[in-house]
Amino acid sequence: MEQSSTLRVGVVGAGRVGAVLAAALRDVDAGGRYDVVAVAGESPASRARISHLLAGVAVDKPTAVSRACDLLLLTVPDDMLANVVNMLSASGAIRAGQYVAHTSGRHGLAVLEPAAALGARVLAMHPAMTFTGTEIDLARLRGCVFGVTATASTRALAASLVADLDGSLTWVPESRRTLYHAGLAHGANHLVTLVSQAMDLLRESGAEDPAATLRPLLTASLDNALRFGDGALTGPIVRGDVNTIRAHLADITLTAPATLESYVALARATANRAVLEGRLMPMRGARIVGLLNDALASAPPRGVREDVG
């Protein structure tokens, strides 16, 4: 960082991310480098997080928080970010030389242009982690990757912040921010849906503890996928077990029809990737994809369950 004195930090948006990052910066043992001086958060949940993680920090309006700090962290939802930047810039709460950073995965520097036009030094710094908004996250931040987009004047600060948080840094070009975020959301958010649906199927099969049944398998599968990519693929699709897949489709359609669409979509994508990787013969892959398409086309309308006589 350019300055040697304590950096006064203000946070607008005491959600799960903002409260945890502020608490982590306050805990940094770096000669008093960061002083979290003010935070803005209005909801009961935000006030509870402030009380628990940021005891003693002043709670104020966003404009007052911005005026009080050298580094302003904007940790509001993606769709609110532009409005918050515009409001703070128009109100005179942002000044030349001030650091203004946001933690959105989707947005880069363009959304901060009103602040940059006033002379603020801007950066985007997104932690690639899911947050609970509790002290559990403080330990998880160590080793977390931050997707950073910065200007020449903020690259040093970004690198210093990430290092002080015991994270690692990946530079994301401005034009690739949305793609970067889509990859994270597709992997993390959709994984939750996938696992929940898998637990539903196991529960329907009579498993008393679906999570315990899945945990060793999913842990190994995730680790293997991160290490080997498509090479980690196992199961009936890569083996070309058409009859097994047909049986899956029949039982899912009968018992958990809401899961059929996602099963078909993921099975189709898996078959196509397995063919491209040379692990599934094209003819067998075409049979599987045809079977999947037919199952979806012939499924009863969503919410309608056929009687079994």
Protein backbone atom coordinates (compact mmCIF):
# COMPACT_ATOMS: atom_id res chain seq x y z
CA MET A 1 0.00 0.00 0.00
CA GLU A 2 1.09 3.57 -0.57
CA GLN A 3 0.35 4.87 2.89
CA SER A 4 2.24 3.84 6.01
CA SER A 5 -0.33 5.05 8.55
CA THR A 6 -3.49 3.29 9.64
CA LEU A 7 -6.09 2.92 6.91
CA ARG A 8 -9.55 3.89 8.11
CA VAL A 9 -12.09 1.39 6.74
CA GLY A 10 -15.80 1.97 6.27
CA VAL A 11 -18.33 -0.64 5.18
CA VAL A 12 -21.64 0.02 3.45
CA GLY A 13 -23.71 -3.14 3.60
CA ALA A 14 -23.25 -5.23 6.73
CA GLY A 15 -24.43 -8.40 5.05
CA ARG A 16 -22.73 -11.75 5.34
CA VAL A 17 -19.73 -10.65 3.28
CA GLY A 18 -19.29 -7.12 4.56
CA ALA A 19 -19.43 -7.89 8.25
CA VAL A 20 -16.99 -10.79 7.93
CA LEU A 21 -14.46 -8.90 5.79
CA ALA A 22 -14.56 -5.96 8.18
CA ALA A 23 -14.02 -8.27 11.16
CA ALA A 24 -11.15 -9.99 9.37
CA LEU A 25 -9.45 -6.69 8.55
CA ARG A 26 -9.88 -5.52 12.13
CA ASP A 27 -8.20 -8.72 13.33
CA VAL A 28 -5.19 -8.35 11.01
CA ASP A 29 -2.02 -8.28 13.09
CA ALA A 30 -0.16 -5.78 10.96
CA GLY A 31 0.76 -2.93 13.25
CA GLY A 32 -2.70 -1.44 13.37
CA ARG A 33 -2.87 -1.17 9.60
CA TYR A 34 -6.67 -1.21 9.46
CA ASP A 35 -9.13 0.61 11.67
CA VAL A 36 -12.76 -0.21 10.94
CA VAL A 37 -14.33 3.11 11.89
CA ALA A 38 -17.93 2.89 10.67
CA VAL A 39 -20.45 0.55 9.13
CA ALA A 40 -23.89 0.95 7.57
CA GLY A 41 -26.56 -1.70 7.95
CA GLU A 42 -30.25 -1.27 8.60
CA SER A 43 -31.89 -4.71 8.66
CA PRO A 44 -32.22 -6.63 11.93
CA ALA A 45 -29.90 -9.31 10.56
CA SER A 46 -27.26 -6.71 9.68
CA ARG A 47 -27.52 -5.09 13.10
CA ALA A 48 -27.11 -8.49 14.74
CA ARG A 49 -23.98 -9.20 12.68
CA ILE A 50 -22.54 -5.79 13.55
CA SER A 51 -23.18 -6.37 17.25
CA HIS A 52 -21.61 -9.82 17.14
CA LEU A 53 -18.66 -9.35 14.77
CA LEU A 54 -17.99 -5.60 14.96
CA ALA A 55 -18.73 -4.65 18.55
CA GLY A 56 -17.81 -1.05 19.23
CA VAL A 57 -17.82 0.05 15.58
CA ALA A 58 -19.99 3.09 14.88
CA VAL A 59 -23.19 2.41 12.94
CA ASP A 60 -24.16 5.27 10.66
CA LYS A 61 -25.78 6.26 7.37
CA PRO A 62 -23.93 5.28 4.16
CA THR A 63 -22.95 8.88 3.41
CA ALA A 64 -21.46 9.33 6.88
CA VAL A 65 -19.61 6.04 6.64
CA SER A 66 -18.11 7.08 3.31
CA ARG A 67 -16.97 10.45 4.61
CA ALA A 68 -15.32 8.86 7.64
CA CYS A 69 -13.03 6.41 5.85
CA ASP A 70 -10.00 6.12 3.58
CA LEU A 71 -11.07 2.72 2.21
CA LEU A 72 -14.78 2.33 1.48
CA LEU A 73 -16.00 -1.25 1.08
CA LEU A 74 -19.29 -1.54 -0.78
CA THR A 75 -20.68 -4.96 0.08
CA VAL A 76 -24.25 -4.60 -1.15
CA PRO A 77 -26.13 -6.95 -3.53
CA ASP A 78 -25.15 -6.79 -7.21
CA ASP A 79 -28.36 -5.14 -8.37
CA MET A 80 -28.09 -2.40 -5.72
CA LEU A 81 -24.45 -1.54 -6.32
CA ALA A 82 -24.86 0.99 -9.13
CA ASN A 83 -27.52 2.92 -7.20
CA VAL A 84 -25.36 3.04 -4.08
CA VAL A 85 -22.33 4.30 -6.02
CA ASN A 86 -24.42 6.94 -7.77
CA MET A 87 -26.01 8.08 -4.52
CA LEU A 88 -22.72 8.38 -2.63
CA SER A 89 -21.04 10.14 -5.55
CA ALA A 90 -23.89 12.60 -6.11
CA SER A 91 -24.09 13.44 -2.39
CA GLY A 92 -20.42 14.40 -2.16
CA ALA A 93 -19.62 11.53 0.19
CA ILE A 94 -16.82 10.23 -2.04
CA ARG A 95 -13.66 12.27 -2.45
CA ALA A 96 -10.54 12.34 -4.60
CA GLY A 97 -7.81 9.97 -3.45
CA GLN A 98 -10.20 7.78 -1.47
CA TYR A 99 -10.12 4.04 -2.12
CA VAL A 100 -13.52 2.64 -3.14
CA ALA A 101 -13.82 -1.13 -3.47
CA HIS A 102 -16.75 -3.44 -4.02
CA THR A 103 -17.05 -7.20 -3.48
CA SER A 104 -19.42 -8.08 -6.32
CA GLY A 105 -18.38 -11.03 -8.46
CA ARG A 106 -20.34 -9.89 -11.49
CA HIS A 107 -19.24 -6.25 -11.61
CA GLY A 108 -15.83 -4.86 -12.41
CA LEU A 109 -14.72 -1.24 -12.47
CA ALA A 110 -17.37 0.20 -14.78
CA VAL A 111 -19.97 0.29 -12.01
CA LEU A 112 -17.56 2.48 -9.98
CA GLU A 113 -17.12 5.06 -12.75
CA PRO A 114 -19.07 7.81 -10.90
CA ALA A 115 -16.62 7.47 -8.00
CA ALA A 116 -13.60 7.33 -10.31
CA ALA A 117 -14.81 10.50 -12.03
CA LEU A 118 -14.47 12.26 -8.68
CA GLY A 119 -10.87 11.09 -8.33
CA ALA A 120 -11.47 8.04 -6.16
CA ARG A 121 -9.18 5.05 -6.66
CA VAL A 122 -11.35 2.06 -7.45
CA LEU A 123 -11.09 -1.72 -7.39
CA ALA A 124 -13.28 -4.83 -7.47
CA MET A 125 -12.34 -7.54 -4.98
CA HIS A 126 -14.59 -10.61 -4.88
CA PRO A 127 -13.95 -13.44 -2.39
CA ALA A 128 -14.71 -16.77 -4.07
CA MET A 129 -16.38 -18.27 -1.04
CA THR A 130 -19.88 -18.81 0.32
CA PHE A 131 -20.52 -16.88 3.54
CA THR A 132 -22.62 -17.61 6.62
CA GLY A 133 -22.06 -14.18 8.16
CA THR A 134 -20.58 -15.68 11.33
CA GLU A 135 -17.12 -16.19 12.81
CA ILE A 136 -16.96 -19.53 10.98
CA ASP A 137 -16.14 -17.54 7.86
CA LEU A 138 -13.07 -15.94 9.41
CA ALA A 139 -11.18 -19.23 9.29
CA ARG A 140 -12.52 -20.03 5.82
CA LEU A 141 -11.12 -16.75 4.47
CA ARG A 142 -7.60 -18.08 4.93
CA GLY A 143 -6.61 -19.46 1.55
CA CYS A 144 -9.69 -17.98 -0.16
CA VAL A 145 -9.13 -16.80 -3.72
CA PHE A 146 -10.10 -13.19 -4.47
CA GLY A 147 -11.04 -12.28 -8.03
CA VAL A 148 -9.62 -8.78 -8.43
CA THR A 149 -9.98 -6.13 -11.11
CA ALA A 150 -7.96 -3.00 -10.39
CA THR A 151 -6.41 0.09 -11.90
CA ALA A 152 -2.71 0.90 -11.91
CA SER A 153 -3.26 2.99 -8.78
CA THR A 154 -5.04 0.24 -6.84
CA ARG A 155 -3.17 -2.94 -7.77
CA ALA A 156 -0.77 -2.57 -4.84
CA LEU A 157 -3.59 -2.03 -2.36
CA ALA A 158 -5.50 -5.03 -3.73
CA ALA A 159 -2.45 -7.28 -3.40
CA SER A 160 -1.81 -6.02 0.15
CA LEU A 161 -5.43 -6.50 1.25
CA VAL A 162 -5.57 -10.06 -0.07
CA ALA A 163 -2.22 -10.92 1.49
CA ASP A 164 -3.26 -9.48 4.85
CA LEU A 165 -6.43 -11.59 4.74
CA ASP A 166 -4.25 -14.69 4.12
CA GLY A 167 -5.95 -15.14 0.75
CA SER A 168 -4.65 -15.60 -2.76
CA LEU A 169 -5.27 -13.34 -5.71
CA THR A 170 -6.38 -13.93 -9.28
CA TRP A 171 -6.55 -10.99 -11.66
CA VAL A 172 -9.81 -10.90 -13.65
CA PRO A 173 -10.00 -8.68 -16.76
CA GLU A 174 -12.84 -6.18 -16.78
CA SER A 175 -14.41 -7.83 -19.83
CA ARG A 176 -14.47 -11.24 -18.14
CA ARG A 177 -16.04 -10.40 -14.77
CA THR A 178 -19.49 -11.78 -15.62
CA LEU A 179 -18.02 -14.98 -17.03
CA TYR A 180 -15.87 -15.38 -13.91
CA HIS A 181 -18.93 -14.96 -11.71
CA ALA A 182 -21.04 -17.33 -13.82
CA GLY A 183 -18.44 -20.05 -13.33
CA LEU A 184 -18.55 -19.63 -9.57
CA ALA A 185 -22.35 -19.49 -9.38
CA HIS A 186 -22.79 -22.48 -11.68
CA GLY A 187 -20.38 -24.52 -9.58
CA ALA A 188 -21.42 -23.46 -6.08
CA ASN A 189 -25.07 -22.43 -6.23
CA HIS A 190 -26.20 -25.15 -8.60
CA LEU A 191 -24.23 -27.69 -6.59
CA VAL A 192 -26.53 -26.95 -3.64
CA THR A 193 -29.59 -27.68 -5.79
CA LEU A 194 -28.02 -30.84 -7.18
CA VAL A 195 -27.08 -32.18 -3.75
CA SER A 196 -30.49 -31.33 -2.32
CA GLN A 197 -32.21 -33.21 -5.14
CA ALA A 198 -29.89 -36.18 -4.66
CA MET A 199 -30.79 -36.26 -0.97
CA ASP A 200 -34.48 -36.14 -1.89
CA LEU A 201 -34.07 -39.21 -4.11
CA LEU A 202 -32.19 -41.11 -1.40
CA ARG A 203 -34.82 -40.14 1.15
CA GLU A 204 -37.51 -41.53 -1.17
CA SER A 205 -35.47 -44.73 -1.48
CA GLY A 206 -35.65 -45.22 2.29
CA ALA A 207 -32.21 -43.94 3.31
CA GLU A 208 -32.42 -42.79 6.93
CA ASP A 209 -29.55 -40.32 6.65
CA PRO A 210 -29.15 -39.16 3.02
CA ALA A 211 -26.40 -36.69 3.90
CA ALA A 212 -24.27 -39.35 5.56
CA THR A 213 -24.81 -41.66 2.61
CA LEU A 214 -23.71 -39.02 0.12
CA ARG A 215 -20.91 -37.32 2.03
CA PRO A 216 -18.02 -39.77 1.30
CA LEU A 217 -19.05 -40.13 -2.34
CA LEU A 218 -19.50 -36.41 -2.97
CA THR A 219 -16.33 -35.48 -1.12
CA ALA A 220 -14.30 -37.88 -3.25
CA SER A 221 -16.09 -36.85 -6.45
CA LEU A 222 -15.51 -33.15 -5.84
CA ASP A 223 -11.85 -33.66 -5.02
CA ASN A 224 -11.33 -35.85 -8.08
CA ALA A 225 -13.17 -33.41 -10.36
CA LEU A 226 -11.06 -30.50 -9.16
CA ARG A 227 -7.90 -32.54 -9.71
CA PHE A 228 -8.69 -34.36 -12.94
CA GLY A 229 -11.64 -32.61 -14.58
CA ASP A 230 -13.58 -34.87 -16.94
CA GLY A 231 -11.09 -37.64 -16.21
CA ALA A 232 -12.78 -38.09 -12.82
CA LEU A 233 -16.06 -39.14 -14.39
CA THR A 234 -17.48 -42.52 -13.38
CA GLY A 235 -20.95 -44.05 -13.44
CA PRO A 236 -23.50 -45.37 -15.92
CA ILE A 237 -23.14 -42.66 -18.57
CA VAL A 238 -19.42 -43.03 -19.13
CA ARG A 239 -19.91 -46.81 -19.07
CA GLY A 240 -22.70 -46.53 -21.63
CA ASP A 241 -25.21 -48.36 -19.42
CA VAL A 242 -28.33 -47.43 -21.39
CA ASN A 243 -30.67 -49.72 -19.45
CA THR A 244 -29.54 -48.31 -16.10
CA ILE A 245 -30.21 -44.78 -17.30
CA ARG A 246 -33.62 -45.86 -18.63
CA ALA A 247 -34.46 -47.26 -15.20
CA HIS A 248 -33.32 -44.04 -13.51
CA LEU A 249 -35.56 -41.99 -15.75
CA ALA A 250 -38.59 -44.20 -15.11
CA ASP A 251 -38.27 -44.07 -11.33
CA ILE A 252 -37.48 -40.35 -11.21
CA THR A 253 -40.48 -39.59 -13.43
CA LEU A 254 -42.72 -41.62 -11.15
CA THR A 255 -41.35 -40.58 -7.75
CA ALA A 256 -39.63 -37.20 -8.10
CA PRO A 257 -40.79 -35.60 -11.35
CA ALA A 258 -39.52 -32.16 -10.31
CA THR A 259 -35.98 -33.57 -10.49
CA LEU A 260 -36.35 -35.02 -14.00
CA GLU A 261 -35.48 -31.84 -15.88
CA SER A 262 -32.20 -31.25 -14.06
CA TYR A 263 -31.27 -34.95 -14.24
CA VAL A 264 -31.82 -34.94 -18.02
CA ALA A 265 -29.93 -31.66 -18.54
CA LEU A 266 -26.90 -32.79 -16.55
CA ALA A 267 -26.94 -36.32 -17.98
CA ARG A 268 -27.07 -34.91 -21.52
CA ALA A 269 -24.15 -32.58 -20.82
CA THR A 270 -22.22 -35.44 -19.21
CA ALA A 271 -22.79 -37.72 -22.20
CA ASN A 272 -21.65 -35.04 -24.64
CA ARG A 273 -18.49 -34.34 -22.66
CA ALA A 274 -17.75 -38.06 -22.34
CA VAL A 275 -18.03 -38.45 -26.13
CA LEU A 276 -15.73 -35.47 -26.73
CA GLU A 277 -13.22 -36.92 -24.29
CA GLY A 278 -13.26 -40.23 -26.13
CA ARG A 279 -14.58 -42.12 -23.11
CA LEU A 280 -17.97 -42.93 -24.62
CA MET A 281 -18.55 -44.22 -28.14
CA PRO A 282 -20.49 -41.67 -30.23
CA MET A 283 -23.16 -44.21 -31.18
CA ARG A 284 -23.75 -45.15 -27.55
CA GLY A 285 -23.73 -41.48 -26.59
CA ALA A 286 -26.39 -40.73 -29.21
CA ARG A 287 -28.58 -43.52 -27.81
CA ILE A 288 -28.28 -42.09 -24.32
CA VAL A 289 -29.06 -38.53 -25.43
CA GLY A 290 -32.06 -39.78 -27.43
CA LEU A 291 -33.34 -41.66 -24.40
CA LEU A 292 -32.97 -38.55 -22.24
CA ASN A 293 -34.76 -36.34 -24.74
CA ASP A 294 -37.62 -38.82 -25.07
CA ALA A 295 -38.04 -39.06 -21.30
CA LEU A 296 -38.37 -35.31 -20.95
CA ALA A 297 -40.70 -34.98 -23.91
CA SER A 298 -43.05 -37.69 -22.63
CA ALA A 299 -43.06 -36.61 -18.98
CA PRO A 300 -46.40 -35.45 -17.56
CA PRO A 301 -46.78 -31.68 -17.01
CA ARG A 302 -45.04 -30.33 -13.92
CA GLY A 303 -47.15 -30.90 -10.83
CA VAL A 304 -49.19 -33.70 -12.42
CA ARG A 305 -48.49 -37.18 -11.13
CA GLU A 306 -49.93 -40.06 -13.10
CA ASP A 307 -51.92 -42.66 -11.21
CA VAL A 308 -50.32 -46.06 -10.98
CA GLY A 309 -52.83 -48.87 -11.31
